[in-house]
PDB file of N, CA and C in Angstrom:
ATOM      1  N   UNK A   1       0.844  -1.170   0.000  1.00  0.00           N
ATOM      2  CA  UNK A   1       0.000   0.000   0.000  1.00  0.00           C
ATOM      3  C   UNK A   1       0.894   1.238   0.000  1.00  0.00           C
ATOM      4  N   UNK A   2       0.604   2.152  -0.901  1.00  0.00           N
ATOM      5  CA  UNK A   2       1.354   3.402  -0.969  1.00  0.00           C
ATOM      6  C   UNK A   2       0.704   4.422  -0.050  1.00  0.00           C
ATOM      7  N   UNK A   3       1.540   5.086   0.738  1.00  0.00           N
ATOM      8  CA  UNK A   3       1.064   6.115   1.661  1.00  0.00           C
ATOM      9  C   UNK A   3       1.870   7.384   1.429  1.00  0.00           C
ATOM     10  N   UNK A   4       1.237   8.522   1.688  1.00  0.00           N
ATOM     11  CA  UNK A   4       1.891   9.807   1.491  1.00  0.00           C
ATOM     12  C   UNK A   4       1.718  10.639   2.761  1.00  0.00           C
ATOM     13  N   UNK A   5       2.792  11.315   3.148  1.00  0.00           N
ATOM     14  CA  UNK A   5       2.789  12.124   4.364  1.00  0.00           C
ATOM     15  C   UNK A   5       3.463  13.460   4.092  1.00  0.00           C
ATOM     16  N   UNK A   6       2.977  14.519   4.748  1.00  0.00           N
ATOM     17  CA  UNK A   6       3.747  15.744   4.802  1.00  0.00           C
ATOM     18  C   UNK A   6       4.668  15.590   6.008  1.00  0.00           C
ATOM     19  N   UNK A   7       5.840  16.236   5.955  1.00  0.00           N
ATOM     20  CA  UNK A   7       6.807  16.022   7.022  1.00  0.00           C
ATOM     21  C   UNK A   7       7.597  17.287   7.309  1.00  0.00           C
ATOM     22  N   UNK A   8       8.416  17.205   8.351  1.00  0.00           N
ATOM     23  CA  UNK A   8       9.364  18.282   8.637  1.00  0.00           C
ATOM     24  C   UNK A   8      10.793  17.818   8.332  1.00  0.00           C
ATOM     25  N   UNK A   9      10.911  16.898   7.378  1.00  0.00           N
ATOM     26  CA  UNK A   9      12.213  16.446   6.878  1.00  0.00           C
ATOM     27  C   UNK A   9      12.642  17.477   5.838  1.00  0.00           C
ATOM     28  N   UNK A  10      13.661  18.287   6.169  1.00  0.00           N
ATOM     29  CA  UNK A  10      13.924  19.423   5.297  1.00  0.00           C
ATOM     30  C   UNK A  10      15.257  19.437   4.563  1.00  0.00           C
ATOM     31  N   UNK A  11      16.144  18.468   4.868  1.00  0.00           N
ATOM     32  CA  UNK A  11      17.453  18.519   4.213  1.00  0.00           C
ATOM     33  C   UNK A  11      18.042  17.111   4.087  1.00  0.00           C
ATOM     34  N   UNK A  12      19.171  17.023   3.412  1.00  0.00           N
ATOM     35  CA  UNK A  12      19.819  15.717   3.257  1.00  0.00           C
ATOM     36  C   UNK A  12      20.275  15.147   4.589  1.00  0.00           C
ATOM     37  N   UNK A  13      20.614  16.008   5.542  1.00  0.00           N
ATOM     38  CA  UNK A  13      20.970  15.543   6.879  1.00  0.00           C
ATOM     39  C   UNK A  13      19.791  14.871   7.562  1.00  0.00           C
ATOM     40  N   UNK A  14      18.605  15.445   7.372  1.00  0.00           N
ATOM     41  CA  UNK A  14      17.377  14.852   7.928  1.00  0.00           C
ATOM     42  C   UNK A  14      17.120  13.489   7.281  1.00  0.00           C
ATOM     43  N   UNK A  15      17.318  13.414   5.984  1.00  0.00           N
ATOM     44  CA  UNK A  15      17.121  12.141   5.277  1.00  0.00           C
ATOM     45  C   UNK A  15      18.102  11.100   5.814  1.00  0.00           C
ATOM     46  N   UNK A  16      19.344  11.517   6.062  1.00  0.00           N
ATOM     47  CA  UNK A  16      20.333  10.591   6.620  1.00  0.00           C
ATOM     48  C   UNK A  16      19.926  10.116   8.015  1.00  0.00           C
ATOM     49  N   UNK A  17      19.259  10.978   8.775  1.00  0.00           N
ATOM     50  CA  UNK A  17      18.821  10.615  10.120  1.00  0.00           C
ATOM     51  C   UNK A  17      17.695   9.590  10.083  1.00  0.00           C
ATOM     52  N   UNK A  18      16.728   9.758   9.184  1.00  0.00           N
ATOM     53  CA  UNK A  18      15.571   8.864   9.155  1.00  0.00           C
ATOM     54  C   UNK A  18      15.856   7.557   8.400  1.00  0.00           C
ATOM     55  N   UNK A  19      16.870   7.560   7.537  1.00  0.00           N
ATOM     56  CA  UNK A  19      17.159   6.381   6.707  1.00  0.00           C
ATOM     57  C   UNK A  19      17.297   5.082   7.492  1.00  0.00           C
ATOM     58  N   UNK A  20      18.076   5.032   8.580  1.00  0.00           N
ATOM     59  CA  UNK A  20      18.194   3.750   9.294  1.00  0.00           C
ATOM     60  C   UNK A  20      16.858   3.237   9.842  1.00  0.00           C
ATOM     61  N   UNK A  21      15.997   4.147  10.256  1.00  0.00           N
ATOM     62  CA  UNK A  21      14.694   3.750  10.783  1.00  0.00           C
ATOM     63  C   UNK A  21      13.823   3.141   9.685  1.00  0.00           C
ATOM     64  N   UNK A  22      13.886   3.741   8.501  1.00  0.00           N
ATOM     65  CA  UNK A  22      13.048   3.282   7.394  1.00  0.00           C
ATOM     66  C   UNK A  22      13.594   1.986   6.781  1.00  0.00           C
ATOM     67  N   UNK A  23      14.915   1.865   6.676  1.00  0.00           N
ATOM     68  CA  UNK A  23      15.490   0.691   6.023  1.00  0.00           C
ATOM     69  C   UNK A  23      15.463  -0.552   6.902  1.00  0.00           C
ATOM     70  N   UNK A  24      15.500  -0.381   8.228  1.00  0.00           N
ATOM     71  CA  UNK A  24      15.482  -1.562   9.097  1.00  0.00           C
ATOM     72  C   UNK A  24      14.071  -2.094   9.331  1.00  0.00           C
ATOM     73  N   UNK A  25      13.050  -1.326   8.959  1.00  0.00           N
ATOM     74  CA  UNK A  25      11.665  -1.748   9.166  1.00  0.00           C
ATOM     75  C   UNK A  25      11.276  -2.753   8.084  1.00  0.00           C
ATOM     76  N   UNK A  26      11.005  -3.988   8.481  1.00  0.00           N
ATOM     77  CA  UNK A  26      10.716  -5.058   7.530  1.00  0.00           C
ATOM     78  C   UNK A  26       9.484  -4.800   6.671  1.00  0.00           C
ATOM     79  N   UNK A  27       8.497  -4.079   7.184  1.00  0.00           N
ATOM     80  CA  UNK A  27       7.262  -3.869   6.447  1.00  0.00           C
ATOM     81  C   UNK A  27       7.353  -2.852   5.325  1.00  0.00           C
ATOM     82  N   UNK A  28       8.469  -2.133   5.227  1.00  0.00           N
ATOM     83  CA  UNK A  28       8.601  -1.090   4.207  1.00  0.00           C
ATOM     84  C   UNK A  28       9.309  -1.652   2.978  1.00  0.00           C
ATOM     85  N   UNK A  29       8.625  -1.570   1.836  1.00  0.00           N
ATOM     86  CA  UNK A  29       9.186  -2.035   0.573  1.00  0.00           C
ATOM     87  C   UNK A  29      10.160  -0.990   0.023  1.00  0.00           C
ATOM     88  N   UNK A  30       9.693   0.259  -0.058  1.00  0.00           N
ATOM     89  CA  UNK A  30      10.542   1.367  -0.455  1.00  0.00           C
ATOM     90  C   UNK A  30       9.945   2.666   0.050  1.00  0.00           C
ATOM     91  N   UNK A  31      10.756   3.713   0.007  1.00  0.00           N
ATOM     92  CA  UNK A  31      10.312   5.016   0.495  1.00  0.00           C
ATOM     93  C   UNK A  31      11.166   6.103  -0.146  1.00  0.00           C
ATOM     94  N   UNK A  32      10.634   7.322  -0.160  1.00  0.00           N
ATOM     95  CA  UNK A  32      11.356   8.457  -0.725  1.00  0.00           C
ATOM     96  C   UNK A  32      10.805   9.743  -0.128  1.00  0.00           C
ATOM     97  N   UNK A  33      11.673  10.741  -0.033  1.00  0.00           N
ATOM     98  CA  UNK A  33      11.277  12.055   0.462  1.00  0.00           C
ATOM     99  C   UNK A  33      11.577  13.076  -0.622  1.00  0.00           C
ATOM    100  N   UNK A  34      10.620  13.965  -0.875  1.00  0.00           N
ATOM    101  CA  UNK A  34      10.844  15.070  -1.806  1.00  0.00           C
ATOM    102  C   UNK A  34      11.006  16.341  -0.982  1.00  0.00           C
ATOM    103  N   UNK A  35      12.263  16.767  -0.769  1.00  0.00           N
ATOM    104  CA  UNK A  35      12.513  17.960   0.034  1.00  0.00           C
ATOM    105  C   UNK A  35      12.453  19.243  -0.796  1.00  0.00           C
ATOM    106  N   UNK A  36      12.148  19.118  -2.085  1.00  0.00           N
ATOM    107  CA  UNK A  36      12.090  20.295  -2.953  1.00  0.00           C
ATOM    108  C   UNK A  36      10.710  20.955  -2.948  1.00  0.00           C
ATOM    109  N   UNK A  37       9.711  20.298  -2.365  1.00  0.00           N
ATOM    110  CA  UNK A  37       8.367  20.869  -2.305  1.00  0.00           C
ATOM    111  C   UNK A  37       8.093  21.366  -0.883  1.00  0.00           C
ATOM    112  N   UNK A  38       7.238  22.372  -0.726  1.00  0.00           N
ATOM    113  CA  UNK A  38       6.973  22.915   0.613  1.00  0.00           C
ATOM    114  C   UNK A  38       6.445  21.876   1.617  1.00  0.00           C
ATOM    115  N   UNK A  39       5.729  20.881   1.128  1.00  0.00           N
ATOM    116  CA  UNK A  39       5.141  19.871   2.026  1.00  0.00           C
ATOM    117  C   UNK A  39       6.160  18.849   2.502  1.00  0.00           C
ATOM    118  N   UNK A  40       7.361  18.835   1.878  1.00  0.00           N
ATOM    119  CA  UNK A  40       8.406  17.848   2.213  1.00  0.00           C
ATOM    120  C   UNK A  40       7.800  16.445   2.237  1.00  0.00           C
ATOM    121  N   UNK A  41       7.233  16.052   1.123  1.00  0.00           N
ATOM    122  CA  UNK A  41       6.444  14.828   0.998  1.00  0.00           C
ATOM    123  C   UNK A  41       7.280  13.562   1.177  1.00  0.00           C
ATOM    124  N   UNK A  42       6.817  12.714   2.084  1.00  0.00           N
ATOM    125  CA  UNK A  42       7.394  11.392   2.292  1.00  0.00           C
ATOM    126  C   UNK A  42       6.410  10.382   1.715  1.00  0.00           C
ATOM    127  N   UNK A  43       6.880   9.555   0.791  1.00  0.00           N
ATOM    128  CA  UNK A  43       6.055   8.489   0.240  1.00  0.00           C
ATOM    129  C   UNK A  43       6.621   7.157   0.692  1.00  0.00           C
ATOM    130  N   UNK A  44       5.737   6.309   1.207  1.00  0.00           N
ATOM    131  CA  UNK A  44       6.136   5.007   1.730  1.00  0.00           C
ATOM    132  C   UNK A  44       5.299   3.931   1.053  1.00  0.00           C
ATOM    133  N   UNK A  45       5.951   2.887   0.585  1.00  0.00           N
ATOM    134  CA  UNK A  45       5.273   1.724   0.042  1.00  0.00           C
ATOM    135  C   UNK A  45       5.484   0.592   1.042  1.00  0.00           C
ATOM    136  N   UNK A  46       4.386   0.127   1.646  1.00  0.00           N
ATOM    137  CA  UNK A  46       4.492  -0.895   2.683  1.00  0.00           C
ATOM    138  C   UNK A  46       3.467  -1.985   2.465  1.00  0.00           C
ATOM    139  N   UNK A  47       3.887  -3.206   2.717  1.00  0.00           N
ATOM    140  CA  UNK A  47       2.969  -4.337   2.619  1.00  0.00           C
ATOM    141  C   UNK A  47       2.352  -4.671   3.963  1.00  0.00           C
ATOM    142  N   UNK A  48       2.870  -4.094   5.058  1.00  0.00           N
ATOM    143  CA  UNK A  48       2.415  -4.510   6.374  1.00  0.00           C
ATOM    144  C   UNK A  48       2.053  -3.373   7.321  1.00  0.00           C
ATOM    145  N   UNK A  49       2.620  -2.199   7.147  1.00  0.00           N
ATOM    146  CA  UNK A  49       2.435  -1.122   8.117  1.00  0.00           C
ATOM    147  C   UNK A  49       1.208  -0.272   7.824  1.00  0.00           C
ATOM    148  N   UNK A  50       0.611   0.254   8.886  1.00  0.00           N
ATOM    149  CA  UNK A  50      -0.487   1.204   8.772  1.00  0.00           C
ATOM    150  C   UNK A  50       0.091   2.619   8.766  1.00  0.00           C
ATOM    151  N   UNK A  51      -0.737   3.593   8.437  1.00  0.00           N
ATOM    152  CA  UNK A  51      -0.286   4.990   8.486  1.00  0.00           C
ATOM    153  C   UNK A  51       0.194   5.345   9.888  1.00  0.00           C
ATOM    154  N   UNK A  52      -0.547   4.879  10.894  1.00  0.00           N
ATOM    155  CA  UNK A  52      -0.197   5.190  12.281  1.00  0.00           C
ATOM    156  C   UNK A  52       1.175   4.622  12.640  1.00  0.00           C
ATOM    157  N   UNK A  53       1.488   3.440  12.148  1.00  0.00           N
ATOM    158  CA  UNK A  53       2.790   2.832  12.432  1.00  0.00           C
ATOM    159  C   UNK A  53       3.925   3.590  11.754  1.00  0.00           C
ATOM    160  N   UNK A  54       3.686   4.083  10.548  1.00  0.00           N
ATOM    161  CA  UNK A  54       4.698   4.877   9.854  1.00  0.00           C
ATOM    162  C   UNK A  54       4.898   6.207  10.587  1.00  0.00           C
ATOM    163  N   UNK A  55       3.817   6.821  11.035  1.00  0.00           N
ATOM    164  CA  UNK A  55       3.907   8.072  11.803  1.00  0.00           C
ATOM    165  C   UNK A  55       4.713   7.846  13.080  1.00  0.00           C
ATOM    166  N   UNK A  56       4.463   6.734  13.774  1.00  0.00           N
ATOM    167  CA  UNK A  56       5.205   6.402  14.995  1.00  0.00           C
ATOM    168  C   UNK A  56       6.690   6.184  14.687  1.00  0.00           C
ATOM    169  N   UNK A  57       6.980   5.569  13.564  1.00  0.00           N
ATOM    170  CA  UNK A  57       8.362   5.345  13.143  1.00  0.00           C
ATOM    171  C   UNK A  57       9.056   6.688  12.896  1.00  0.00           C
ATOM    172  N   UNK A  58       8.350   7.603  12.260  1.00  0.00           N
ATOM    173  CA  UNK A  58       8.894   8.951  12.040  1.00  0.00           C
ATOM    174  C   UNK A  58       9.189   9.653  13.353  1.00  0.00           C
ATOM    175  N   UNK A  59       8.284   9.525  14.320  1.00  0.00           N
ATOM    176  CA  UNK A  59       8.495  10.140  15.628  1.00  0.00           C
ATOM    177  C   UNK A  59       9.729   9.572  16.320  1.00  0.00           C
ATOM    178  N   UNK A  60       9.923   8.260  16.205  1.00  0.00           N
ATOM    179  CA  UNK A  60      11.122   7.621  16.783  1.00  0.00           C
ATOM    180  C   UNK A  60      12.392   8.243  16.210  1.00  0.00           C
ATOM    181  N   UNK A  61      12.337   8.594  14.930  1.00  0.00           N
ATOM    182  CA  UNK A  61      13.491   9.189  14.263  1.00  0.00           C
ATOM    183  C   UNK A  61      13.597  10.683  14.530  1.00  0.00           C
ATOM    184  N   UNK A  62      12.557  11.266  15.160  1.00  0.00           N
ATOM    185  CA  UNK A  62      12.578  12.692  15.496  1.00  0.00           C
ATOM    186  C   UNK A  62      11.858  13.588  14.516  1.00  0.00           C
ATOM    187  N   UNK A  63      10.966  13.012  13.706  1.00  0.00           N
ATOM    188  CA  UNK A  63      10.263  13.803  12.702  1.00  0.00           C
ATOM    189  C   UNK A  63       8.755  13.686  12.850  1.00  0.00           C
ATOM    190  N   UNK A  64       8.071  14.762  12.459  1.00  0.00           N
ATOM    191  CA  UNK A  64       6.616  14.793  12.493  1.00  0.00           C
ATOM    192  C   UNK A  64       6.102  14.447  11.103  1.00  0.00           C
ATOM    193  N   UNK A  65       5.244  13.435  11.040  1.00  0.00           N
ATOM    194  CA  UNK A  65       4.616  13.029   9.780  1.00  0.00           C
ATOM    195  C   UNK A  65       3.114  13.177   9.911  1.00  0.00           C
ATOM    196  N   UNK A  66       2.485  13.719   8.886  1.00  0.00           N
ATOM    197  CA  UNK A  66       1.029  13.865   8.858  1.00  0.00           C
ATOM    198  C   UNK A  66       0.532  13.222   7.570  1.00  0.00           C
ATOM    199  N   UNK A  67      -0.381  12.264   7.723  1.00  0.00           N
ATOM    200  CA  UNK A  67      -0.920  11.567   6.540  1.00  0.00           C
ATOM    201  C   UNK A  67      -1.633  12.571   5.642  1.00  0.00           C
ATOM    202  N   UNK A  68      -1.372  12.474   4.350  1.00  0.00           N
ATOM    203  CA  UNK A  68      -2.068  13.311   3.375  1.00  0.00           C
ATOM    204  C   UNK A  68      -2.740  12.401   2.359  1.00  0.00           C
ATOM    205  N   UNK A  69      -4.017  12.634   2.158  1.00  0.00           N
ATOM    206  CA  UNK A  69      -4.798  11.752   1.279  1.00  0.00           C
ATOM    207  C   UNK A  69      -5.148  12.447  -0.008  1.00  0.00           C
TER     208      UNK A  69
END
């Protein structure tokens, strides 16, 4: 399931910080952040995680994620 979130991930340093959290999570197939748009869109493709679980994962990494539909 593809999910989209607005985030406060604003630079390559932020991406480096969240990367270990996203890559070690077994339920995530792939993910990407677009820091060039004002919403700083995070897209996650997951076969197992819910939006709430992805948001919690972002919080663990120190970032705020808000589901956008």
